[in-house]
Every structure is written in structure tokens, then in C-alpha cells.
Amino acid sequence: MLGSSGISFRPHGTSVYIFIKQYDPSAPKKLNNKVVKIDDVANFIFPRGEYQDVAVVDDGKSVTIYFGDELVAKISFSEKKKYDISNEEFYSKATVTGKNGSVLANVDNALISTKSVLCIAANDIIGVGEIGYTEYKIESNPQTGDTAAFIGLVALLGMAVLKKRPIEE
């Protein structure tokens, strides 16, 4: 998940904040974030925060975030577009859905990389026990013509918040 142009998330307290980069012509650098807060995900409060298994699945059309076996959110994206800040193409529409399938946010002018780049950064807020990366490719089914390429699966084992930092919404 890409923080500078794309999707990122951050645990805080008992919530998870999902950040989706947006093109904003009125902002100083034409960049902004749509922030979606999901409450009661897990306990990340230091020093009694719990360790969490985290999985992020990017299938090229959506990113799904799991804590343990629990679905936290799914971010689906579509509509490729170019903006005047880059020569790259981005997905410009995003929809964030919660674990029960309800829409938590719709994002226009999103800046989500079409290249499915995965980045992991801790910025000194989490402890990481292990990181695993698996790439899955499923070949076309000649009977249906369907092709699916699961670009990445990341498991951050042993995630715990080490310090609290304020998050502005």
C-alpha cells in the first residue's frame, strides 16, 4: 500500500485510520487525504496493546485489510486517470466498505497507483515481529476466460503500537 500516492492505514487506540490520497487543486501541493476511521478494531493502546496479525491483500482492483481473521475494510478502485502533477496514471475512484459490506466512504479524485506497488513503513509506531510476502498468479480459465492476478499478500505478524500520536481527521 502506497502512502505517497495510494492507500495507507494506521492503528491508533482501538481504531484504524485508512488514508486515501486525493488530488486537490486547492491544496498547496495539490495533494490531500480522505481519512476513514473504523472504530473498535483491536486494542493498540501502549503499553497494554495487543499483538495483531495483519494481512493486506491487493488483487489489482481492490485492497482488503484483515486483523487476525476479521475483515476490517475493503477499498475498491476504478477509473484510470492522469492528473497534472504526474505523467503516471492513477485510479481516480475509490469506495471503502466495512466488514458488513456497508459503504464507509466514496472518494473522487483518488491517487491510487495503477502499478500495484506495495510498501511497508512503520514510522516508529508499530513493532513488527515478521513480514511475509506472497505473490499469487492464477492463469486464465479457458472455459470462462477469467483471469485473476493476486498481486500481493502481506502478513505483518506481531503488530503492536509502541507509542501514541495524535491523528487529525
N, C-alpha and C. Protein backbone atom coordinates (compact mmCIF):
# COMPACT_ATOMS: atom_id res chain seq x y z
N MET A 1 0.85 -1.16 0.00
CA MET A 1 0.00 0.00 0.00
C MET A 1 0.90 1.22 0.00
N LEU A 2 0.54 2.16 -0.75
CA LEU A 2 1.40 3.29 -1.00
C LEU A 2 0.89 4.50 -0.25
N GLY A 3 1.76 5.13 0.54
CA GLY A 3 1.36 6.29 1.31
C GLY A 3 1.44 7.59 0.53
N SER A 4 2.43 7.73 -0.34
CA SER A 4 2.59 8.99 -1.06
C SER A 4 1.59 9.13 -2.20
N SER A 5 1.21 8.06 -2.82
CA SER A 5 0.13 8.08 -3.81
C SER A 5 -0.59 6.76 -3.72
N GLY A 6 -1.62 6.72 -2.93
CA GLY A 6 -2.36 5.49 -2.81
C GLY A 6 -3.09 5.36 -1.51
N ILE A 7 -2.97 4.20 -0.91
CA ILE A 7 -3.72 3.85 0.29
C ILE A 7 -2.74 3.50 1.39
N SER A 8 -3.04 3.96 2.59
CA SER A 8 -2.26 3.54 3.75
C SER A 8 -3.21 3.43 4.94
N PHE A 9 -2.75 2.75 5.99
CA PHE A 9 -3.58 2.67 7.19
C PHE A 9 -2.69 2.75 8.41
N ARG A 10 -3.31 3.16 9.52
CA ARG A 10 -2.58 3.34 10.76
C ARG A 10 -3.47 3.00 11.94
N PRO A 11 -3.01 2.09 12.80
CA PRO A 11 -3.77 1.80 14.02
C PRO A 11 -3.55 2.90 15.05
N HIS A 12 -4.59 3.16 15.86
CA HIS A 12 -4.48 4.19 16.89
C HIS A 12 -5.55 3.92 17.95
N GLY A 13 -5.13 3.71 19.17
CA GLY A 13 -6.09 3.43 20.23
C GLY A 13 -6.77 2.10 20.00
N THR A 14 -8.05 2.11 19.76
CA THR A 14 -8.78 0.89 19.40
C THR A 14 -9.34 0.99 17.98
N SER A 15 -8.85 1.95 17.24
CA SER A 15 -9.36 2.22 15.88
C SER A 15 -8.25 2.04 14.84
N VAL A 16 -8.68 2.01 13.60
CA VAL A 16 -7.76 2.02 12.46
C VAL A 16 -8.19 3.16 11.56
N TYR A 17 -7.22 3.96 11.13
CA TYR A 17 -7.46 5.04 10.19
C TYR A 17 -6.95 4.61 8.83
N ILE A 18 -7.79 4.76 7.82
CA ILE A 18 -7.41 4.47 6.45
C ILE A 18 -7.27 5.81 5.73
N PHE A 19 -6.14 5.99 5.06
CA PHE A 19 -5.84 7.23 4.33
C PHE A 19 -5.81 6.93 2.84
N ILE A 20 -6.58 7.68 2.07
CA ILE A 20 -6.58 7.55 0.62
C ILE A 20 -6.16 8.89 0.04
N LYS A 21 -5.03 8.88 -0.69
CA LYS A 21 -4.54 10.11 -1.29
C LYS A 21 -5.52 10.60 -2.34
N GLN A 22 -5.65 11.95 -2.38
CA GLN A 22 -6.54 12.60 -3.34
C GLN A 22 -5.82 13.75 -4.03
N TYR A 23 -6.17 13.95 -5.27
CA TYR A 23 -5.75 15.14 -5.99
C TYR A 23 -6.66 16.27 -5.53
N ASP A 24 -6.05 17.37 -5.08
CA ASP A 24 -6.81 18.52 -4.59
C ASP A 24 -6.16 19.79 -5.14
N PRO A 25 -6.71 20.36 -6.22
CA PRO A 25 -6.09 21.53 -6.85
C PRO A 25 -6.01 22.74 -5.93
N SER A 26 -6.79 22.79 -4.85
CA SER A 26 -6.75 23.93 -3.94
C SER A 26 -5.69 23.78 -2.85
N ALA A 27 -5.12 22.59 -2.69
CA ALA A 27 -4.08 22.36 -1.68
C ALA A 27 -2.72 22.85 -2.19
N PRO A 28 -1.83 23.23 -1.28
CA PRO A 28 -0.53 23.77 -1.69
C PRO A 28 0.24 22.87 -2.67
N LYS A 29 0.27 21.56 -2.44
CA LYS A 29 0.98 20.65 -3.35
C LYS A 29 0.02 19.81 -4.18
N LYS A 30 -1.25 20.24 -4.20
CA LYS A 30 -2.32 19.57 -4.93
C LYS A 30 -2.59 18.15 -4.42
N LEU A 31 -2.22 17.88 -3.18
CA LEU A 31 -2.44 16.58 -2.56
C LEU A 31 -3.20 16.73 -1.26
N ASN A 32 -4.04 15.76 -0.98
CA ASN A 32 -4.77 15.74 0.26
C ASN A 32 -5.06 14.28 0.60
N ASN A 33 -5.66 14.03 1.76
CA ASN A 33 -6.05 12.69 2.18
C ASN A 33 -7.53 12.66 2.51
N LYS A 34 -8.19 11.61 2.09
CA LYS A 34 -9.50 11.27 2.63
C LYS A 34 -9.21 10.31 3.76
N VAL A 35 -9.69 10.61 4.97
CA VAL A 35 -9.42 9.79 6.14
C VAL A 35 -10.72 9.09 6.56
N VAL A 36 -10.64 7.78 6.70
CA VAL A 36 -11.77 6.98 7.14
C VAL A 36 -11.37 6.30 8.45
N LYS A 37 -12.13 6.56 9.51
CA LYS A 37 -11.86 5.98 10.82
C LYS A 37 -12.80 4.80 11.05
N ILE A 38 -12.21 3.66 11.43
CA ILE A 38 -13.00 2.47 11.75
C ILE A 38 -12.74 2.15 13.22
N ASP A 39 -13.79 2.23 14.03
CA ASP A 39 -13.67 2.05 15.48
C ASP A 39 -13.76 0.59 15.89
N ASP A 40 -13.28 0.34 17.11
CA ASP A 40 -13.40 -0.97 17.77
C ASP A 40 -12.81 -2.11 16.94
N VAL A 41 -11.63 -1.87 16.39
CA VAL A 41 -10.96 -2.90 15.60
C VAL A 41 -10.17 -3.84 16.51
N ALA A 42 -9.33 -3.26 17.36
CA ALA A 42 -8.50 -4.03 18.30
C ALA A 42 -7.92 -3.03 19.30
N ASN A 43 -7.18 -3.53 20.27
CA ASN A 43 -6.57 -2.66 21.27
C ASN A 43 -5.11 -2.40 20.90
N PHE A 44 -4.82 -1.18 20.50
CA PHE A 44 -3.46 -0.79 20.13
C PHE A 44 -2.85 0.15 21.16
N ILE A 45 -3.46 0.29 22.33
CA ILE A 45 -3.03 1.27 23.32
C ILE A 45 -1.81 0.75 24.07
N PHE A 46 -0.72 1.51 24.02
CA PHE A 46 0.51 1.16 24.71
C PHE A 46 0.37 1.51 26.17
N PRO A 47 0.83 0.75 27.13
CA PRO A 47 1.67 -0.44 26.99
C PRO A 47 0.90 -1.75 26.97
N ARG A 48 -0.40 -1.73 27.05
CA ARG A 48 -1.14 -2.98 27.11
C ARG A 48 -1.74 -3.39 25.77
N GLY A 49 -1.28 -2.76 24.71
CA GLY A 49 -1.80 -3.09 23.39
C GLY A 49 -1.54 -4.54 23.04
N GLU A 50 -2.43 -5.10 22.28
CA GLU A 50 -2.34 -6.50 21.91
C GLU A 50 -1.55 -6.66 20.62
N TYR A 51 -0.87 -7.78 20.48
CA TYR A 51 -0.22 -8.09 19.21
C TYR A 51 -1.29 -8.50 18.22
N GLN A 52 -1.12 -8.11 16.97
CA GLN A 52 -2.12 -8.39 15.95
C GLN A 52 -1.46 -9.02 14.73
N ASP A 53 -2.13 -9.99 14.14
CA ASP A 53 -1.75 -10.49 12.83
C ASP A 53 -2.51 -9.64 11.82
N VAL A 54 -1.78 -9.09 10.86
CA VAL A 54 -2.39 -8.22 9.86
C VAL A 54 -2.12 -8.80 8.48
N ALA A 55 -3.15 -8.85 7.65
CA ALA A 55 -2.98 -9.29 6.27
C ALA A 55 -3.57 -8.22 5.36
N VAL A 56 -2.85 -7.92 4.30
CA VAL A 56 -3.29 -6.97 3.29
C VAL A 56 -3.26 -7.71 1.96
N VAL A 57 -4.41 -7.76 1.29
CA VAL A 57 -4.50 -8.47 0.01
C VAL A 57 -4.82 -7.45 -1.08
N ASP A 58 -3.96 -7.39 -2.09
CA ASP A 58 -4.14 -6.49 -3.22
C ASP A 58 -4.35 -7.36 -4.45
N ASP A 59 -5.55 -7.32 -5.03
CA ASP A 59 -5.82 -8.14 -6.21
C ASP A 59 -5.80 -7.33 -7.50
N GLY A 60 -5.34 -6.08 -7.42
CA GLY A 60 -5.27 -5.24 -8.60
C GLY A 60 -6.52 -4.41 -8.85
N LYS A 61 -7.63 -4.74 -8.19
CA LYS A 61 -8.88 -3.98 -8.30
C LYS A 61 -9.37 -3.51 -6.95
N SER A 62 -8.78 -4.09 -5.89
CA SER A 62 -9.16 -3.71 -4.54
C SER A 62 -8.04 -4.12 -3.57
N VAL A 63 -8.10 -3.51 -2.39
CA VAL A 63 -7.20 -3.86 -1.30
C VAL A 63 -8.08 -4.22 -0.12
N THR A 64 -7.83 -5.39 0.48
CA THR A 64 -8.60 -5.84 1.62
C THR A 64 -7.67 -5.95 2.82
N ILE A 65 -8.11 -5.42 3.97
CA ILE A 65 -7.30 -5.40 5.18
C ILE A 65 -7.96 -6.30 6.23
N TYR A 66 -7.17 -7.19 6.80
CA TYR A 66 -7.63 -8.10 7.85
C TYR A 66 -6.76 -7.93 9.10
N PHE A 67 -7.37 -7.95 10.27
CA PHE A 67 -6.65 -8.05 11.54
C PHE A 67 -7.07 -9.40 12.10
N GLY A 68 -6.10 -10.32 12.24
CA GLY A 68 -6.46 -11.69 12.58
C GLY A 68 -7.31 -12.24 11.46
N ASP A 69 -8.38 -12.90 11.79
CA ASP A 69 -9.29 -13.44 10.78
C ASP A 69 -10.43 -12.48 10.46
N GLU A 70 -10.41 -11.31 11.07
CA GLU A 70 -11.52 -10.35 10.91
C GLU A 70 -11.25 -9.36 9.77
N LEU A 71 -12.21 -9.27 8.87
CA LEU A 71 -12.15 -8.27 7.82
C LEU A 71 -12.34 -6.90 8.46
N VAL A 72 -11.44 -5.97 8.17
CA VAL A 72 -11.55 -4.60 8.69
C VAL A 72 -12.19 -3.70 7.63
N ALA A 73 -11.65 -3.76 6.42
CA ALA A 73 -12.17 -2.91 5.35
C ALA A 73 -11.71 -3.42 3.99
N LYS A 74 -12.47 -3.04 2.99
CA LYS A 74 -12.10 -3.32 1.60
C LYS A 74 -12.16 -2.00 0.85
N ILE A 75 -11.11 -1.69 0.11
CA ILE A 75 -11.06 -0.48 -0.69
C ILE A 75 -11.04 -0.91 -2.15
N SER A 76 -12.11 -0.63 -2.88
CA SER A 76 -12.19 -0.96 -4.30
C SER A 76 -11.90 0.28 -5.10
N PHE A 77 -11.20 0.12 -6.23
CA PHE A 77 -10.84 1.30 -7.02
C PHE A 77 -11.08 1.05 -8.51
N SER A 78 -11.29 2.17 -9.24
CA SER A 78 -11.60 2.07 -10.67
C SER A 78 -11.31 3.41 -11.35
N GLU A 79 -11.57 3.47 -12.64
CA GLU A 79 -11.45 4.66 -13.49
C GLU A 79 -10.05 5.26 -13.50
N LYS A 80 -9.27 4.81 -14.45
CA LYS A 80 -7.91 5.33 -14.60
C LYS A 80 -7.95 6.76 -15.12
N LYS A 81 -7.01 7.57 -14.60
CA LYS A 81 -7.00 8.99 -14.95
C LYS A 81 -5.59 9.55 -14.76
N LYS A 82 -5.26 10.57 -15.54
CA LYS A 82 -3.99 11.30 -15.35
C LYS A 82 -4.30 12.67 -14.78
N TYR A 83 -3.42 13.13 -13.90
CA TYR A 83 -3.53 14.45 -13.29
C TYR A 83 -2.33 15.29 -13.70
N ASP A 84 -2.43 16.60 -13.53
CA ASP A 84 -1.35 17.50 -13.95
C ASP A 84 -0.13 17.47 -13.03
N ILE A 85 -0.11 16.60 -12.02
CA ILE A 85 1.03 16.52 -11.10
C ILE A 85 1.98 15.37 -11.44
N SER A 86 1.61 14.55 -12.45
CA SER A 86 2.42 13.38 -12.75
C SER A 86 2.14 12.90 -14.17
N ASN A 87 3.10 12.17 -14.73
CA ASN A 87 2.89 11.52 -16.03
C ASN A 87 2.26 10.15 -15.86
N GLU A 88 2.13 9.69 -14.61
CA GLU A 88 1.57 8.38 -14.32
C GLU A 88 0.04 8.40 -14.36
N GLU A 89 -0.52 7.22 -14.53
CA GLU A 89 -1.96 7.05 -14.46
C GLU A 89 -2.33 6.56 -13.06
N PHE A 90 -3.47 7.01 -12.56
CA PHE A 90 -3.95 6.63 -11.23
C PHE A 90 -5.39 6.17 -11.33
N TYR A 91 -5.80 5.32 -10.37
CA TYR A 91 -7.22 5.06 -10.21
C TYR A 91 -7.81 6.27 -9.51
N SER A 92 -8.91 6.81 -10.06
CA SER A 92 -9.45 8.07 -9.55
C SER A 92 -10.69 7.90 -8.68
N LYS A 93 -11.26 6.72 -8.65
CA LYS A 93 -12.45 6.45 -7.83
C LYS A 93 -12.11 5.36 -6.84
N ALA A 94 -12.55 5.54 -5.59
CA ALA A 94 -12.36 4.51 -4.56
C ALA A 94 -13.60 4.45 -3.69
N THR A 95 -13.92 3.24 -3.27
CA THR A 95 -15.02 3.01 -2.34
C THR A 95 -14.50 2.18 -1.19
N VAL A 96 -14.71 2.67 0.04
CA VAL A 96 -14.30 1.96 1.24
C VAL A 96 -15.54 1.31 1.84
N THR A 97 -15.48 -0.01 2.01
CA THR A 97 -16.58 -0.72 2.65
C THR A 97 -16.09 -1.37 3.94
N GLY A 98 -16.98 -1.44 4.92
CA GLY A 98 -16.66 -2.04 6.20
C GLY A 98 -16.87 -3.53 6.19
N LYS A 99 -16.67 -4.14 7.35
CA LYS A 99 -16.75 -5.60 7.44
C LYS A 99 -18.13 -6.16 7.13
N ASN A 100 -19.17 -5.37 7.31
CA ASN A 100 -20.52 -5.84 7.00
C ASN A 100 -20.95 -5.46 5.58
N GLY A 101 -20.04 -4.88 4.80
CA GLY A 101 -20.33 -4.52 3.42
C GLY A 101 -20.90 -3.13 3.23
N SER A 102 -21.13 -2.39 4.32
CA SER A 102 -21.68 -1.04 4.19
C SER A 102 -20.61 -0.08 3.68
N VAL A 103 -21.04 0.88 2.88
CA VAL A 103 -20.11 1.87 2.32
C VAL A 103 -19.76 2.89 3.40
N LEU A 104 -18.47 3.00 3.70
CA LEU A 104 -17.98 3.95 4.68
C LEU A 104 -17.57 5.27 4.03
N ALA A 105 -17.12 5.21 2.78
CA ALA A 105 -16.70 6.43 2.08
C ALA A 105 -16.58 6.17 0.59
N ASN A 106 -16.88 7.20 -0.19
CA ASN A 106 -16.60 7.23 -1.62
C ASN A 106 -15.59 8.35 -1.84
N VAL A 107 -14.57 8.06 -2.63
CA VAL A 107 -13.50 9.04 -2.84
C VAL A 107 -13.40 9.34 -4.33
N ASP A 108 -13.54 10.61 -4.68
CA ASP A 108 -13.31 11.07 -6.04
C ASP A 108 -11.92 11.70 -6.11
N ASN A 109 -11.35 11.74 -7.29
CA ASN A 109 -10.01 12.28 -7.50
C ASN A 109 -8.97 11.56 -6.66
N ALA A 110 -9.14 10.25 -6.48
CA ALA A 110 -8.17 9.45 -5.74
C ALA A 110 -6.86 9.37 -6.52
N LEU A 111 -5.78 9.18 -5.81
CA LEU A 111 -4.46 8.99 -6.40
C LEU A 111 -3.95 7.61 -5.97
N ILE A 112 -4.49 6.57 -6.59
CA ILE A 112 -4.10 5.20 -6.27
C ILE A 112 -3.32 4.66 -7.45
N SER A 113 -2.11 4.22 -7.19
CA SER A 113 -1.21 3.74 -8.23
C SER A 113 -1.85 2.61 -9.02
N THR A 114 -1.72 2.67 -10.34
CA THR A 114 -2.19 1.59 -11.20
C THR A 114 -1.15 0.49 -11.32
N LYS A 115 -0.01 0.68 -10.69
CA LYS A 115 1.09 -0.28 -10.79
C LYS A 115 1.10 -1.29 -9.64
N SER A 116 0.14 -1.24 -8.71
CA SER A 116 0.05 -2.17 -7.58
C SER A 116 1.37 -2.29 -6.83
N VAL A 117 1.90 -1.18 -6.43
CA VAL A 117 3.13 -1.14 -5.66
C VAL A 117 2.80 -1.29 -4.19
N LEU A 118 3.52 -2.15 -3.49
CA LEU A 118 3.28 -2.40 -2.08
C LEU A 118 4.46 -1.89 -1.28
N CYS A 119 4.18 -1.07 -0.27
CA CYS A 119 5.23 -0.54 0.60
C CYS A 119 4.82 -0.75 2.05
N ILE A 120 5.80 -0.99 2.90
CA ILE A 120 5.54 -1.14 4.33
C ILE A 120 6.45 -0.17 5.05
N ALA A 121 5.86 0.67 5.88
CA ALA A 121 6.64 1.63 6.66
C ALA A 121 6.08 1.66 8.07
N ALA A 122 6.95 1.69 9.06
CA ALA A 122 6.47 1.66 10.44
C ALA A 122 6.48 3.03 11.08
N ASN A 123 7.35 3.92 10.69
CA ASN A 123 7.43 5.26 11.25
C ASN A 123 7.42 5.26 12.78
N ASP A 124 7.98 4.21 13.35
CA ASP A 124 8.18 4.11 14.80
C ASP A 124 6.88 4.05 15.59
N ILE A 125 5.77 3.61 14.97
CA ILE A 125 4.52 3.49 15.72
C ILE A 125 4.11 2.06 15.97
N ILE A 126 4.77 1.10 15.30
CA ILE A 126 4.41 -0.30 15.49
C ILE A 126 5.66 -1.13 15.72
N GLY A 127 5.48 -2.26 16.35
CA GLY A 127 6.53 -3.25 16.45
C GLY A 127 6.19 -4.37 15.48
N VAL A 128 7.16 -4.85 14.74
CA VAL A 128 6.90 -5.87 13.73
C VAL A 128 7.70 -7.11 14.09
N GLY A 129 7.01 -8.23 14.21
CA GLY A 129 7.66 -9.49 14.50
C GLY A 129 8.19 -10.15 13.25
N GLU A 130 7.34 -10.30 12.24
CA GLU A 130 7.72 -10.93 10.98
C GLU A 130 6.95 -10.28 9.86
N ILE A 131 7.54 -10.27 8.68
CA ILE A 131 6.86 -9.79 7.48
C ILE A 131 6.98 -10.88 6.43
N GLY A 132 5.86 -11.24 5.85
CA GLY A 132 5.87 -12.21 4.76
C GLY A 132 5.19 -11.63 3.54
N TYR A 133 5.65 -11.99 2.38
CA TYR A 133 5.06 -11.51 1.13
C TYR A 133 4.88 -12.71 0.22
N THR A 134 3.70 -12.86 -0.33
CA THR A 134 3.43 -13.95 -1.25
C THR A 134 2.75 -13.38 -2.47
N GLU A 135 3.19 -13.77 -3.63
CA GLU A 135 2.55 -13.33 -4.87
C GLU A 135 1.85 -14.54 -5.48
N TYR A 136 0.57 -14.36 -5.77
CA TYR A 136 -0.22 -15.42 -6.37
C TYR A 136 -0.60 -15.01 -7.78
N LYS A 137 -0.48 -15.95 -8.71
CA LYS A 137 -0.95 -15.72 -10.08
C LYS A 137 -1.81 -16.91 -10.47
N ILE A 138 -3.01 -16.62 -10.91
CA ILE A 138 -3.92 -17.66 -11.35
C ILE A 138 -4.09 -17.49 -12.85
N GLU A 139 -3.78 -18.51 -13.58
CA GLU A 139 -3.83 -18.44 -15.04
C GLU A 139 -5.27 -18.37 -15.52
N SER A 140 -5.44 -17.97 -16.77
CA SER A 140 -6.78 -17.89 -17.37
C SER A 140 -7.45 -19.25 -17.38
N ASN A 141 -8.74 -19.23 -17.13
CA ASN A 141 -9.54 -20.43 -17.23
C ASN A 141 -10.10 -20.46 -18.65
N PRO A 142 -9.66 -21.43 -19.48
CA PRO A 142 -10.10 -21.43 -20.88
C PRO A 142 -11.61 -21.58 -21.03
N GLN A 143 -12.29 -22.16 -20.03
CA GLN A 143 -13.74 -22.34 -20.14
C GLN A 143 -14.49 -21.04 -19.90
N THR A 144 -13.93 -20.16 -19.07
CA THR A 144 -14.64 -18.91 -18.76
C THR A 144 -13.92 -17.68 -19.28
N GLY A 145 -12.61 -17.81 -19.55
CA GLY A 145 -11.84 -16.66 -19.99
C GLY A 145 -11.45 -15.73 -18.86
N ASP A 146 -11.76 -16.10 -17.62
CA ASP A 146 -11.43 -15.26 -16.48
C ASP A 146 -9.94 -15.31 -16.17
N THR A 147 -9.39 -14.18 -15.82
CA THR A 147 -8.01 -14.11 -15.38
C THR A 147 -7.98 -13.36 -14.07
N ALA A 148 -7.28 -13.90 -13.11
CA ALA A 148 -7.13 -13.21 -11.83
C ALA A 148 -5.67 -13.22 -11.45
N ALA A 149 -5.15 -12.09 -11.06
CA ALA A 149 -3.76 -11.99 -10.59
C ALA A 149 -3.78 -11.35 -9.23
N PHE A 150 -3.50 -12.12 -8.24
CA PHE A 150 -3.41 -11.58 -6.89
C PHE A 150 -2.01 -11.04 -6.75
N ILE A 151 -1.89 -9.72 -6.70
CA ILE A 151 -0.61 -9.06 -6.73
C ILE A 151 0.16 -9.24 -5.44
N GLY A 152 -0.51 -9.15 -4.32
CA GLY A 152 0.28 -9.29 -3.10
C GLY A 152 -0.55 -9.71 -1.90
N LEU A 153 0.08 -10.43 -1.01
CA LEU A 153 -0.49 -10.75 0.28
C LEU A 153 0.59 -10.48 1.30
N VAL A 154 0.30 -9.62 2.25
CA VAL A 154 1.30 -9.29 3.25
C VAL A 154 0.76 -9.65 4.61
N ALA A 155 1.55 -10.31 5.38
CA ALA A 155 1.17 -10.60 6.76
C ALA A 155 2.18 -9.94 7.68
N LEU A 156 1.72 -9.01 8.47
CA LEU A 156 2.56 -8.39 9.48
C LEU A 156 2.24 -9.09 10.78
N LEU A 157 3.11 -9.95 11.21
CA LEU A 157 2.84 -10.73 12.40
C LEU A 157 3.42 -10.01 13.60
N GLY A 158 2.62 -9.92 14.61
CA GLY A 158 3.10 -9.29 15.84
C GLY A 158 3.08 -7.79 15.77
N MET A 159 1.98 -7.19 15.35
CA MET A 159 1.90 -5.74 15.23
C MET A 159 1.39 -5.16 16.54
N ALA A 160 2.12 -4.24 17.10
CA ALA A 160 1.68 -3.61 18.35
C ALA A 160 2.09 -2.16 18.33
N VAL A 161 1.27 -1.31 18.83
CA VAL A 161 1.57 0.10 18.87
C VAL A 161 2.57 0.36 19.97
N LEU A 162 3.60 1.11 19.64
CA LEU A 162 4.64 1.41 20.62
C LEU A 162 4.46 2.78 21.23
N LYS A 163 3.85 3.69 20.51
CA LYS A 163 3.57 5.00 21.09
C LYS A 163 2.32 5.58 20.48
N LYS A 164 1.74 6.48 21.23
CA LYS A 164 0.54 7.15 20.74
C LYS A 164 0.95 8.44 20.05
N ARG A 165 0.30 8.74 18.96
CA ARG A 165 0.50 10.00 18.27
C ARG A 165 -0.88 10.51 17.87
N PRO A 166 -1.11 11.81 17.96
CA PRO A 166 -2.43 12.32 17.59
C PRO A 166 -2.66 12.19 16.09
N ILE A 167 -3.88 11.88 15.74
CA ILE A 167 -4.27 11.82 14.34
C ILE A 167 -5.33 12.86 14.12
N GLU A 168 -5.10 13.70 13.13
CA GLU A 168 -6.09 14.72 12.81
C GLU A 168 -7.02 14.16 11.75
N GLU A 169 -8.29 14.37 11.95
CA GLU A 169 -9.28 13.89 10.98
C GLU A 169 -9.65 15.01 10.04
